Amino acid sequence: MTYSNTLALGRRQSYPMRNRNVVSIRTERRKLGPVSNTIALVILACILGLLYLTLVTKTNAYGYQINTLQDQQASLVQQNNNLQIVSARLQAATRIQSSAVAKSLVAVRPSATVDN
């Protein structure tokens, strides 16, 4: 073999020949390894934990608002009851003053005082 033949053979091996398919098609799917699976599960667990914490804090915030509104409602009910009592007292006083029995009463002055 001569020097030119070895060069020609070397070129043929480094360059593909015509009408040859150089593209290889992989039929296997890539699989995640155990480390990648563990990382994905940890990230998923963190996301679920954040979602849970968000729901719990929203529930607590709504519970606080509900307690505040219930306290306000209780105080308004108490105030309403007090106003109804005052209204009944005032209505009773006007009824007594306008009744026929009250009009027939006579005012009495003290007749004497007691000394010790």
PDB file of N, CA and C in Angstrom:
ATOM      1  N   MET A   1       0.807  -1.145   0.000  1.00  0.00           N
ATOM      2  CA  MET A   1       0.000   0.000   0.000  1.00  0.00           C
ATOM      3  C   MET A   1       0.875   1.240   0.000  1.00  0.00           C
ATOM      4  N   THR A   2       0.450   2.126  -0.756  1.00  0.00           N
ATOM      5  CA  THR A   2       1.248   3.331  -0.865  1.00  0.00           C
ATOM      6  C   THR A   2       0.680   4.384   0.069  1.00  0.00           C
ATOM      7  N   TYR A   3       1.418   5.457   0.140  1.00  0.00           N
ATOM      8  CA  TYR A   3       1.029   6.553   1.020  1.00  0.00           C
ATOM      9  C   TYR A   3      -0.294   7.159   0.572  1.00  0.00           C
ATOM     10  N   SER A   4      -0.512   7.290  -0.709  1.00  0.00           N
ATOM     11  CA  SER A   4      -1.744   7.880  -1.218  1.00  0.00           C
ATOM     12  C   SER A   4      -2.938   6.976  -0.952  1.00  0.00           C
ATOM     13  N   ASN A   5      -2.719   5.662  -1.016  1.00  0.00           N
ATOM     14  CA  ASN A   5      -3.821   4.733  -0.718  1.00  0.00           C
ATOM     15  C   ASN A   5      -4.240   4.830   0.750  1.00  0.00           C
ATOM     16  N   THR A   6      -3.304   4.967   1.637  1.00  0.00           N
ATOM     17  CA  THR A   6      -3.652   5.054   3.054  1.00  0.00           C
ATOM     18  C   THR A   6      -4.375   6.359   3.339  1.00  0.00           C
ATOM     19  N   LEU A   7      -3.979   7.415   2.669  1.00  0.00           N
ATOM     20  CA  LEU A   7      -4.697   8.681   2.846  1.00  0.00           C
ATOM     21  C   LEU A   7      -6.127   8.570   2.319  1.00  0.00           C
ATOM     22  N   ALA A   8      -6.303   7.905   1.176  1.00  0.00           N
ATOM     23  CA  ALA A   8      -7.627   7.751   0.596  1.00  0.00           C
ATOM     24  C   ALA A   8      -8.513   6.893   1.489  1.00  0.00           C
ATOM     25  N   LEU A   9      -7.970   5.860   2.063  1.00  0.00           N
ATOM     26  CA  LEU A   9      -8.746   5.009   2.963  1.00  0.00           C
ATOM     27  C   LEU A   9      -9.124   5.779   4.245  1.00  0.00           C
ATOM     28  N   GLY A  10      -8.190   6.593   4.695  1.00  0.00           N
ATOM     29  CA  GLY A  10      -8.470   7.369   5.895  1.00  0.00           C
ATOM     30  C   GLY A  10      -9.598   8.366   5.679  1.00  0.00           C
ATOM     31  N   ARG A  11      -9.648   8.959   4.483  1.00  0.00           N
ATOM     32  CA  ARG A  11     -10.722   9.907   4.182  1.00  0.00           C
ATOM     33  C   ARG A  11     -12.060   9.203   4.063  1.00  0.00           C
ATOM     34  N   ARG A  12     -12.064   8.046   3.494  1.00  0.00           N
ATOM     35  CA  ARG A  12     -13.313   7.305   3.326  1.00  0.00           C
ATOM     36  C   ARG A  12     -13.901   6.906   4.685  1.00  0.00           C
ATOM     37  N   GLN A  13     -13.079   6.582   5.600  1.00  0.00           N
ATOM     38  CA  GLN A  13     -13.579   6.159   6.907  1.00  0.00           C
ATOM     39  C   GLN A  13     -14.095   7.363   7.719  1.00  0.00           C
ATOM     40  N   SER A  14     -13.500   8.535   7.537  1.00  0.00           N
ATOM     41  CA  SER A  14     -13.935   9.681   8.313  1.00  0.00           C
ATOM     42  C   SER A  14     -15.180  10.327   7.724  1.00  0.00           C
ATOM     43  N   TYR A  15     -15.416  10.221   6.438  1.00  0.00           N
ATOM     44  CA  TYR A  15     -16.599  10.790   5.806  1.00  0.00           C
ATOM     45  C   TYR A  15     -17.553   9.668   5.445  1.00  0.00           C
ATOM     46  N   PRO A  16     -18.831   9.875   5.626  1.00  0.00           N
ATOM     47  CA  PRO A  16     -19.770   8.792   5.271  1.00  0.00           C
ATOM     48  C   PRO A  16     -19.878   8.651   3.752  1.00  0.00           C
ATOM     49  N   MET A  17     -20.181   7.478   3.361  1.00  0.00           N
ATOM     50  CA  MET A  17     -20.336   7.218   1.928  1.00  0.00           C
ATOM     51  C   MET A  17     -21.725   7.638   1.483  1.00  0.00           C
ATOM     52  N   ARG A  18     -21.914   7.752   0.201  1.00  0.00           N
ATOM     53  CA  ARG A  18     -23.201   8.152  -0.324  1.00  0.00           C
ATOM     54  C   ARG A  18     -24.238   7.060  -0.098  1.00  0.00           C
ATOM     55  N   ASN A  19     -25.503   7.520   0.010  1.00  0.00           N
ATOM     56  CA  ASN A  19     -26.655   6.632   0.165  1.00  0.00           C
ATOM     57  C   ASN A  19     -26.603   5.788   1.432  1.00  0.00           C
ATOM     58  N   ARG A  20     -25.979   6.307   2.426  1.00  0.00           N
ATOM     59  CA  ARG A  20     -25.978   5.611   3.719  1.00  0.00           C
ATOM     60  C   ARG A  20     -26.703   6.493   4.738  1.00  0.00           C
ATOM     61  N   ASN A  21     -27.521   5.868   5.517  1.00  0.00           N
ATOM     62  CA  ASN A  21     -28.250   6.592   6.554  1.00  0.00           C
ATOM     63  C   ASN A  21     -27.346   6.747   7.774  1.00  0.00           C
ATOM     64  N   VAL A  22     -26.995   7.987   8.076  1.00  0.00           N
ATOM     65  CA  VAL A  22     -26.114   8.238   9.206  1.00  0.00           C
ATOM     66  C   VAL A  22     -26.897   8.599  10.465  1.00  0.00           C
ATOM     67  N   VAL A  23     -28.176   8.838  10.326  1.00  0.00           N
ATOM     68  CA  VAL A  23     -28.986   9.226  11.471  1.00  0.00           C
ATOM     69  C   VAL A  23     -29.465   7.964  12.166  1.00  0.00           C
ATOM     70  N   SER A  24     -29.194   7.897  13.434  1.00  0.00           N
ATOM     71  CA  SER A  24     -29.689   6.738  14.185  1.00  0.00           C
ATOM     72  C   SER A  24     -30.914   7.175  14.983  1.00  0.00           C
ATOM     73  N   ILE A  25     -31.922   6.395  14.988  1.00  0.00           N
ATOM     74  CA  ILE A  25     -33.165   6.700  15.687  1.00  0.00           C
ATOM     75  C   ILE A  25     -33.197   5.850  16.950  1.00  0.00           C
ATOM     76  N   ARG A  26     -33.362   6.533  18.043  1.00  0.00           N
ATOM     77  CA  ARG A  26     -33.445   5.807  19.317  1.00  0.00           C
ATOM     78  C   ARG A  26     -34.881   5.351  19.531  1.00  0.00           C
ATOM     79  N   THR A  27     -35.033   4.139  19.859  1.00  0.00           N
ATOM     80  CA  THR A  27     -36.368   3.623  20.135  1.00  0.00           C
ATOM     81  C   THR A  27     -36.662   3.591  21.630  1.00  0.00           C
ATOM     82  N   GLU A  28     -35.652   3.697  22.455  1.00  0.00           N
ATOM     83  CA  GLU A  28     -35.877   3.689  23.902  1.00  0.00           C
ATOM     84  C   GLU A  28     -36.259   5.079  24.383  1.00  0.00           C
ATOM     85  N   ARG A  29     -37.110   5.123  25.387  1.00  0.00           N
ATOM     86  CA  ARG A  29     -37.454   6.389  26.009  1.00  0.00           C
ATOM     87  C   ARG A  29     -36.491   6.630  27.154  1.00  0.00           C
ATOM     88  N   ARG A  30     -36.243   7.898  27.380  1.00  0.00           N
ATOM     89  CA  ARG A  30     -35.385   8.228  28.514  1.00  0.00           C
ATOM     90  C   ARG A  30     -36.168   8.039  29.794  1.00  0.00           C
ATOM     91  N   LYS A  31     -35.521   7.516  30.780  1.00  0.00           N
ATOM     92  CA  LYS A  31     -36.158   7.287  32.068  1.00  0.00           C
ATOM     93  C   LYS A  31     -35.463   8.138  33.111  1.00  0.00           C
ATOM     94  N   LEU A  32     -36.246   8.571  34.086  1.00  0.00           N
ATOM     95  CA  LEU A  32     -35.665   9.321  35.183  1.00  0.00           C
ATOM     96  C   LEU A  32     -34.989   8.355  36.138  1.00  0.00           C
ATOM     97  N   GLY A  33     -33.879   8.783  36.645  1.00  0.00           N
ATOM     98  CA  GLY A  33     -33.164   7.963  37.596  1.00  0.00           C
ATOM     99  C   GLY A  33     -33.744   8.105  38.991  1.00  0.00           C
ATOM    100  N   PRO A  34     -33.225   7.372  39.932  1.00  0.00           N
ATOM    101  CA  PRO A  34     -33.757   7.428  41.300  1.00  0.00           C
ATOM    102  C   PRO A  34     -33.541   8.789  41.967  1.00  0.00           C
ATOM    103  N   VAL A  35     -32.450   9.454  41.637  1.00  0.00           N
ATOM    104  CA  VAL A  35     -32.197  10.769  42.229  1.00  0.00           C
ATOM    105  C   VAL A  35     -33.195  11.790  41.681  1.00  0.00           C
ATOM    106  N   SER A  36     -33.441  11.739  40.381  1.00  0.00           N
ATOM    107  CA  SER A  36     -34.401  12.656  39.770  1.00  0.00           C
ATOM    108  C   SER A  36     -35.808  12.409  40.311  1.00  0.00           C
ATOM    109  N   ASN A  37     -36.167  11.149  40.494  1.00  0.00           N
ATOM    110  CA  ASN A  37     -37.477  10.824  41.072  1.00  0.00           C
ATOM    111  C   ASN A  37     -37.595  11.367  42.493  1.00  0.00           C
ATOM    112  N   THR A  38     -36.551  11.237  43.276  1.00  0.00           N
ATOM    113  CA  THR A  38     -36.569  11.725  44.659  1.00  0.00           C
ATOM    114  C   THR A  38     -36.706  13.239  44.679  1.00  0.00           C
ATOM    115  N   ILE A  39     -35.967  13.923  43.827  1.00  0.00           N
ATOM    116  CA  ILE A  39     -36.045  15.388  43.770  1.00  0.00           C
ATOM    117  C   ILE A  39     -37.441  15.826  43.349  1.00  0.00           C
ATOM    118  N   ALA A  40     -38.014  15.145  42.359  1.00  0.00           N
ATOM    119  CA  ALA A  40     -39.365  15.495  41.899  1.00  0.00           C
ATOM    120  C   ALA A  40     -40.386  15.273  43.012  1.00  0.00           C
ATOM    121  N   LEU A  41     -40.255  14.197  43.770  1.00  0.00           N
ATOM    122  CA  LEU A  41     -41.183  13.940  44.872  1.00  0.00           C
ATOM    123  C   LEU A  41     -41.037  14.974  45.984  1.00  0.00           C
ATOM    124  N   VAL A  42     -39.810  15.392  46.273  1.00  0.00           N
ATOM    125  CA  VAL A  42     -39.592  16.406  47.307  1.00  0.00           C
ATOM    126  C   VAL A  42     -40.210  17.737  46.872  1.00  0.00           C
ATOM    127  N   ILE A  43     -40.019  18.107  45.621  1.00  0.00           N
ATOM    128  CA  ILE A  43     -40.605  19.353  45.114  1.00  0.00           C
ATOM    129  C   ILE A  43     -42.128  19.271  45.155  1.00  0.00           C
ATOM    130  N   LEU A  44     -42.694  18.144  44.772  1.00  0.00           N
ATOM    131  CA  LEU A  44     -44.141  17.961  44.820  1.00  0.00           C
ATOM    132  C   LEU A  44     -44.662  18.043  46.249  1.00  0.00           C
ATOM    133  N   ALA A  45     -43.946  17.444  47.187  1.00  0.00           N
ATOM    134  CA  ALA A  45     -44.347  17.509  48.594  1.00  0.00           C
ATOM    135  C   ALA A  45     -44.286  18.945  49.112  1.00  0.00           C
ATOM    136  N   CYS A  46     -43.277  19.699  48.705  1.00  0.00           N
ATOM    137  CA  CYS A  46     -43.178  21.112  49.123  1.00  0.00           C
ATOM    138  C   CYS A  46     -44.339  21.931  48.567  1.00  0.00           C
ATOM    139  N   ILE A  47     -44.690  21.706  47.329  1.00  0.00           N
ATOM    140  CA  ILE A  47     -45.807  22.432  46.723  1.00  0.00           C
ATOM    141  C   ILE A  47     -47.111  22.096  47.442  1.00  0.00           C
ATOM    142  N   LEU A  48     -47.322  20.804  47.744  1.00  0.00           N
ATOM    143  CA  LEU A  48     -48.536  20.417  48.461  1.00  0.00           C
ATOM    144  C   LEU A  48     -48.551  21.011  49.872  1.00  0.00           C
ATOM    145  N   GLY A  49     -47.389  21.069  50.527  1.00  0.00           N
ATOM    146  CA  GLY A  49     -47.308  21.678  51.847  1.00  0.00           C
ATOM    147  C   GLY A  49     -47.646  23.152  51.815  1.00  0.00           C
ATOM    148  N   LEU A  50     -47.141  23.868  50.822  1.00  0.00           N
ATOM    149  CA  LEU A  50     -47.468  25.289  50.686  1.00  0.00           C
ATOM    150  C   LEU A  50     -48.954  25.495  50.413  1.00  0.00           C
ATOM    151  N   LEU A  51     -49.532  24.638  49.607  1.00  0.00           N
ATOM    152  CA  LEU A  51     -50.964  24.721  49.332  1.00  0.00           C
ATOM    153  C   LEU A  51     -51.765  24.497  50.610  1.00  0.00           C
ATOM    154  N   TYR A  52     -51.370  23.514  51.411  1.00  0.00           N
ATOM    155  CA  TYR A  52     -52.048  23.233  52.675  1.00  0.00           C
ATOM    156  C   TYR A  52     -51.933  24.421  53.629  1.00  0.00           C
ATOM    157  N   LEU A  53     -50.738  24.984  53.738  1.00  0.00           N
ATOM    158  CA  LEU A  53     -50.550  26.129  54.630  1.00  0.00           C
ATOM    159  C   LEU A  53     -51.370  27.335  54.177  1.00  0.00           C
ATOM    160  N   THR A  54     -51.466  27.531  52.879  1.00  0.00           N
ATOM    161  CA  THR A  54     -52.277  28.624  52.360  1.00  0.00           C
ATOM    162  C   THR A  54     -53.745  28.432  52.742  1.00  0.00           C
ATOM    163  N   LEU A  55     -54.249  27.227  52.594  1.00  0.00           N
ATOM    164  CA  LEU A  55     -55.639  26.963  52.936  1.00  0.00           C
ATOM    165  C   LEU A  55     -55.883  27.129  54.430  1.00  0.00           C
ATOM    166  N   VAL A  56     -54.940  26.688  55.263  1.00  0.00           N
ATOM    167  CA  VAL A  56     -55.107  26.803  56.711  1.00  0.00           C
ATOM    168  C   VAL A  56     -55.108  28.270  57.134  1.00  0.00           C
ATOM    169  N   THR A  57     -54.208  29.074  56.577  1.00  0.00           N
ATOM    170  CA  THR A  57     -54.167  30.481  56.965  1.00  0.00           C
ATOM    171  C   THR A  57     -55.414  31.216  56.487  1.00  0.00           C
ATOM    172  N   LYS A  58     -55.933  30.868  55.314  1.00  0.00           N
ATOM    173  CA  LYS A  58     -57.175  31.489  54.846  1.00  0.00           C
ATOM    174  C   LYS A  58     -58.325  31.117  55.769  1.00  0.00           C
ATOM    175  N   THR A  59     -58.378  29.853  56.186  1.00  0.00           N
ATOM    176  CA  THR A  59     -59.432  29.402  57.084  1.00  0.00           C
ATOM    177  C   THR A  59     -59.349  30.130  58.416  1.00  0.00           C
ATOM    178  N   ASN A  60     -58.132  30.302  58.940  1.00  0.00           N
ATOM    179  CA  ASN A  60     -57.964  31.021  60.199  1.00  0.00           C
ATOM    180  C   ASN A  60     -58.359  32.486  60.054  1.00  0.00           C
ATOM    181  N   ALA A  61     -58.023  33.096  58.950  1.00  0.00           N
ATOM    182  CA  ALA A  61     -58.380  34.504  58.731  1.00  0.00           C
ATOM    183  C   ALA A  61     -59.899  34.652  58.663  1.00  0.00           C
ATOM    184  N   TYR A  62     -60.565  33.741  57.950  1.00  0.00           N
ATOM    185  CA  TYR A  62     -62.021  33.803  57.883  1.00  0.00           C
ATOM    186  C   TYR A  62     -62.641  33.523  59.249  1.00  0.00           C
ATOM    187  N   GLY A  63     -62.044  32.617  60.013  1.00  0.00           N
ATOM    188  CA  GLY A  63     -62.536  32.337  61.361  1.00  0.00           C
ATOM    189  C   GLY A  63     -62.420  33.556  62.252  1.00  0.00           C
ATOM    190  N   TYR A  64     -61.321  34.291  62.121  1.00  0.00           N
ATOM    191  CA  TYR A  64     -61.145  35.518  62.907  1.00  0.00           C
ATOM    192  C   TYR A  64     -62.212  36.547  62.534  1.00  0.00           C
ATOM    193  N   GLN A  65     -62.478  36.696  61.253  1.00  0.00           N
ATOM    194  CA  GLN A  65     -63.509  37.636  60.811  1.00  0.00           C
ATOM    195  C   GLN A  65     -64.881  37.206  61.319  1.00  0.00           C
ATOM    196  N   ILE A  66     -65.155  35.918  61.289  1.00  0.00           N
ATOM    197  CA  ILE A  66     -66.448  35.422  61.763  1.00  0.00           C
ATOM    198  C   ILE A  66     -66.598  35.693  63.256  1.00  0.00           C
ATOM    199  N   ASN A  67     -65.536  35.447  64.040  1.00  0.00           N
ATOM    200  CA  ASN A  67     -65.610  35.718  65.476  1.00  0.00           C
ATOM    201  C   ASN A  67     -65.831  37.198  65.751  1.00  0.00           C
ATOM    202  N   THR A  68     -65.168  38.049  65.006  1.00  0.00           N
ATOM    203  CA  THR A  68     -65.349  39.490  65.178  1.00  0.00           C
ATOM    204  C   THR A  68     -66.787  39.895  64.870  1.00  0.00           C
ATOM    205  N   LEU A  69     -67.335  39.374  63.781  1.00  0.00           N
ATOM    206  CA  LEU A  69     -68.708  39.702  63.409  1.00  0.00           C
ATOM    207  C   LEU A  69     -69.714  39.135  64.410  1.00  0.00           C
ATOM    208  N   GLN A  70     -69.444  37.954  64.959  1.00  0.00           N
ATOM    209  CA  GLN A  70     -70.340  37.390  65.963  1.00  0.00           C
ATOM    210  C   GLN A  70     -70.322  38.217  67.240  1.00  0.00           C
ATOM    211  N   ASP A  71     -69.138  38.690  67.644  1.00  0.00           N
ATOM    212  CA  ASP A  71     -69.059  39.565  68.816  1.00  0.00           C
ATOM    213  C   ASP A  71     -69.823  40.861  68.577  1.00  0.00           C
ATOM    214  N   GLN A  72     -69.670  41.407  67.389  1.00  0.00           N
ATOM    215  CA  GLN A  72     -70.379  42.642  67.049  1.00  0.00           C
ATOM    216  C   GLN A  72     -71.890  42.401  67.044  1.00  0.00           C
ATOM    217  N   GLN A  73     -72.312  41.265  66.534  1.00  0.00           N
ATOM    218  CA  GLN A  73     -73.730  40.932  66.512  1.00  0.00           C
ATOM    219  C   GLN A  73     -74.267  40.790  67.940  1.00  0.00           C
ATOM    220  N   ALA A  74     -73.511  40.133  68.809  1.00  0.00           N
ATOM    221  CA  ALA A  74     -73.953  39.960  70.195  1.00  0.00           C
ATOM    222  C   ALA A  74     -74.085  41.315  70.892  1.00  0.00           C
ATOM    223  N   SER A  75     -73.131  42.212  70.655  1.00  0.00           N
ATOM    224  CA  SER A  75     -73.220  43.534  71.289  1.00  0.00           C
ATOM    225  C   SER A  75     -74.408  44.323  70.736  1.00  0.00           C
ATOM    226  N   LEU A  76     -74.700  44.200  69.447  1.00  0.00           N
ATOM    227  CA  LEU A  76     -75.849  44.896  68.864  1.00  0.00           C
ATOM    228  C   LEU A  76     -77.168  44.326  69.387  1.00  0.00           C
ATOM    229  N   VAL A  77     -77.233  43.017  69.582  1.00  0.00           N
ATOM    230  CA  VAL A  77     -78.437  42.405  70.139  1.00  0.00           C
ATOM    231  C   VAL A  77     -78.655  42.902  71.568  1.00  0.00           C
ATOM    232  N   GLN A  78     -77.565  42.968  72.365  1.00  0.00           N
ATOM    233  CA  GLN A  78     -77.665  43.478  73.733  1.00  0.00           C
ATOM    234  C   GLN A  78     -78.125  44.941  73.737  1.00  0.00           C
ATOM    235  N   GLN A  79     -77.571  45.740  72.844  1.00  0.00           N
ATOM    236  CA  GLN A  79     -77.963  47.143  72.739  1.00  0.00           C
ATOM    237  C   GLN A  79     -79.436  47.262  72.335  1.00  0.00           C
ATOM    238  N   ASN A  80     -79.895  46.420  71.430  1.00  0.00           N
ATOM    239  CA  ASN A  80     -81.286  46.424  71.008  1.00  0.00           C
ATOM    240  C   ASN A  80     -82.206  46.072  72.182  1.00  0.00           C
ATOM    241  N   ASN A  81     -81.821  45.075  72.957  1.00  0.00           N
ATOM    242  CA  ASN A  81     -82.628  44.700  74.126  1.00  0.00           C
ATOM    243  C   ASN A  81     -82.712  45.847  75.130  1.00  0.00           C
ATOM    244  N   ASN A  82     -81.575  46.495  75.373  1.00  0.00           N
ATOM    245  CA  ASN A  82     -81.566  47.636  76.293  1.00  0.00           C
ATOM    246  C   ASN A  82     -82.463  48.767  75.787  1.00  0.00           C
ATOM    247  N   LEU A  83     -82.419  49.040  74.498  1.00  0.00           N
ATOM    248  CA  LEU A  83     -83.262  50.099  73.923  1.00  0.00           C
ATOM    249  C   LEU A  83     -84.735  49.740  73.992  1.00  0.00           C
ATOM    250  N   GLN A  84     -85.067  48.472  73.827  1.00  0.00           N
ATOM    251  CA  GLN A  84     -86.469  48.056  73.954  1.00  0.00           C
ATOM    252  C   GLN A  84     -86.960  48.241  75.384  1.00  0.00           C
ATOM    253  N   ILE A  85     -86.098  47.953  76.361  1.00  0.00           N
ATOM    254  CA  ILE A  85     -86.476  48.145  77.766  1.00  0.00           C
ATOM    255  C   ILE A  85     -86.698  49.628  78.056  1.00  0.00           C
ATOM    256  N   VAL A  86     -85.798  50.485  77.590  1.00  0.00           N
ATOM    257  CA  VAL A  86     -85.931  51.929  77.796  1.00  0.00           C
ATOM    258  C   VAL A  86     -87.198  52.448  77.113  1.00  0.00           C
ATOM    259  N   SER A  87     -87.468  51.955  75.931  1.00  0.00           N
ATOM    260  CA  SER A  87     -88.667  52.365  75.203  1.00  0.00           C
ATOM    261  C   SER A  87     -89.921  51.955  75.970  1.00  0.00           C
ATOM    262  N   ALA A  88     -89.924  50.749  76.496  1.00  0.00           N
ATOM    263  CA  ALA A  88     -91.087  50.290  77.273  1.00  0.00           C
ATOM    264  C   ALA A  88     -91.274  51.144  78.519  1.00  0.00           C
ATOM    265  N   ARG A  89     -90.185  51.517  79.199  1.00  0.00           N
ATOM    266  CA  ARG A  89     -90.283  52.369  80.385  1.00  0.00           C
ATOM    267  C   ARG A  89     -90.864  53.739  80.025  1.00  0.00           C
ATOM    268  N   LEU A  90     -90.353  54.314  78.932  1.00  0.00           N
ATOM    269  CA  LEU A  90     -90.854  55.636  78.530  1.00  0.00           C
ATOM    270  C   LEU A  90     -92.318  55.590  78.118  1.00  0.00           C
ATOM    271  N   GLN A  91     -92.699  54.539  77.417  1.00  0.00           N
ATOM    272  CA  GLN A  91     -94.097  54.403  77.019  1.00  0.00           C
ATOM    273  C   GLN A  91     -94.984  54.194  78.242  1.00  0.00           C
ATOM    274  N   ALA A  92     -94.482  53.468  79.236  1.00  0.00           N
ATOM    275  CA  ALA A  92     -95.263  53.230  80.451  1.00  0.00           C
ATOM    276  C   ALA A  92     -95.464  54.543  81.211  1.00  0.00           C
ATOM    277  N   ALA A  93     -94.441  55.387  81.250  1.00  0.00           N
ATOM    278  CA  ALA A  93     -94.572  56.665  81.963  1.00  0.00           C
ATOM    279  C   ALA A  93     -95.604  57.566  81.290  1.00  0.00           C
ATOM    280  N   THR A  94     -95.611  57.618  79.977  1.00  0.00           N
ATOM    281  CA  THR A  94     -96.601  58.460  79.285  1.00  0.00           C
ATOM    282  C   THR A  94     -97.994  57.878  79.428  1.00  0.00           C
ATOM    283  N   ARG A  95     -98.117  56.568  79.459  1.00  0.00           N
ATOM    284  CA  ARG A  95     -99.422  55.936  79.645  1.00  0.00           C
ATOM    285  C   ARG A  95     -99.982  56.231  81.035  1.00  0.00           C
ATOM    286  N   ILE A  96     -99.093  56.166  82.010  1.00  0.00           N
ATOM    287  CA  ILE A  96     -99.532  56.414  83.383  1.00  0.00           C
ATOM    288  C   ILE A  96     -99.993  57.867  83.527  1.00  0.00           C
ATOM    289  N   GLN A  97     -99.233  58.770  82.949  1.00  0.00           N
ATOM    290  CA  GLN A  97     -99.595  60.189  83.063  1.00  0.00           C
ATOM    291  C   GLN A  97    -100.905  60.499  82.339  1.00  0.00           C
ATOM    292  N   SER A  98    -101.180  59.819  81.274  1.00  0.00           N
ATOM    293  CA  SER A  98    -102.393  60.116  80.504  1.00  0.00           C
ATOM    294  C   SER A  98    -103.599  59.295  80.952  1.00  0.00           C
ATOM    295  N   SER A  99    -103.447  58.417  81.912  1.00  0.00           N
ATOM    296  CA  SER A  99    -104.579  57.589  82.340  1.00  0.00           C
ATOM    297  C   SER A  99    -105.542  58.394  83.224  1.00  0.00           C
ATOM    298  N   ALA A 100    -106.769  57.954  83.291  1.00  0.00           N
ATOM    299  CA  ALA A 100    -107.806  58.645  84.074  1.00  0.00           C
ATOM    300  C   ALA A 100    -107.536  58.536  85.572  1.00  0.00           C
ATOM    301  N   VAL A 101    -106.973  57.444  86.002  1.00  0.00           N
ATOM    302  CA  VAL A 101    -106.669  57.246  87.417  1.00  0.00           C
ATOM    303  C   VAL A 101    -105.600  58.224  87.857  1.00  0.00           C
ATOM    304  N   ALA A 102    -104.587  58.407  87.038  1.00  0.00           N
ATOM    305  CA  ALA A 102    -103.497  59.325  87.395  1.00  0.00           C
ATOM    306  C   ALA A 102    -103.993  60.763  87.416  1.00  0.00           C
ATOM    307  N   LYS A 103    -104.945  61.090  86.567  1.00  0.00           N
ATOM    308  CA  LYS A 103    -105.476  62.467  86.538  1.00  0.00           C
ATOM    309  C   LYS A 103    -106.344  62.760  87.759  1.00  0.00           C
ATOM    310  N   SER A 104    -106.953  61.730  88.323  1.00  0.00           N
ATOM    311  CA  SER A 104    -107.815  61.942  89.481  1.00  0.00           C
ATOM    312  C   SER A 104    -107.039  62.011  90.797  1.00  0.00           C
ATOM    313  N   LEU A 105    -105.766  61.708  90.773  1.00  0.00           N
ATOM    314  CA  LEU A 105    -104.957  61.770  91.993  1.00  0.00           C
ATOM    315  C   LEU A 105    -104.655  63.213  92.354  1.00  0.00           C
ATOM    316  N   VAL A 106    -104.507  63.456  93.651  1.00  0.00           N
ATOM    317  CA  VAL A 106    -104.237  64.799  94.149  1.00  0.00           C
ATOM    318  C   VAL A 106    -102.850  64.797  94.765  1.00  0.00           C
ATOM    319  N   ALA A 107    -102.092  65.846  94.530  1.00  0.00           N
ATOM    320  CA  ALA A 107    -100.759  65.956  95.111  1.00  0.00           C
ATOM    321  C   ALA A 107    -100.886  66.278  96.595  1.00  0.00           C
ATOM    322  N   VAL A 108    -100.101  65.683  97.439  1.00  0.00           N
ATOM    323  CA  VAL A 108    -100.156  65.856  98.885  1.00  0.00           C
ATOM    324  C   VAL A 108     -98.867  66.500  99.351  1.00  0.00           C
ATOM    325  N   ARG A 109     -99.021  67.499 100.271  1.00  0.00           N
ATOM    326  CA  ARG A 109     -97.857  68.125 100.856  1.00  0.00           C
ATOM    327  C   ARG A 109     -97.591  67.461 102.199  1.00  0.00           C
ATOM    328  N   PRO A 110     -96.327  67.424 102.584  1.00  0.00           N
ATOM    329  CA  PRO A 110     -96.055  66.851 103.913  1.00  0.00           C
ATOM    330  C   PRO A 110     -96.673  67.724 105.004  1.00  0.00           C
ATOM    331  N   SER A 111     -97.322  67.090 105.965  1.00  0.00           N
ATOM    332  CA  SER A 111     -98.006  67.829 107.009  1.00  0.00           C
ATOM    333  C   SER A 111     -97.099  68.146 108.199  1.00  0.00           C
ATOM    334  N   ALA A 112     -96.178  67.288 108.477  1.00  0.00           N
ATOM    335  CA  ALA A 112     -95.308  67.529 109.611  1.00  0.00           C
ATOM    336  C   ALA A 112     -93.993  66.806 109.403  1.00  0.00           C
ATOM    337  N   THR A 113     -92.992  67.217 110.175  1.00  0.00           N
ATOM    338  CA  THR A 113     -91.695  66.576 110.120  1.00  0.00           C
ATOM    339  C   THR A 113     -91.392  65.972 111.482  1.00  0.00           C
ATOM    340  N   VAL A 114     -90.585  64.990 111.519  1.00  0.00           N
ATOM    341  CA  VAL A 114     -90.220  64.325 112.765  1.00  0.00           C
ATOM    342  C   VAL A 114     -88.829  64.755 113.140  1.00  0.00           C
ATOM    343  N   ASP A 115     -88.645  65.228 114.380  1.00  0.00           N
ATOM    344  CA  ASP A 115     -87.336  65.609 114.872  1.00  0.00           C
ATOM    345  C   ASP A 115     -86.846  64.597 115.871  1.00  0.00           C
ATOM    346  N   ASN A 116     -85.566  64.339 115.859  1.00  0.00           N
ATOM    347  CA  ASN A 116     -84.981  63.415 116.837  1.00  0.00           C
ATOM    348  C   ASN A 116     -84.356  64.125 117.978  1.00  0.00           C
TER     349      ASN A 116
END
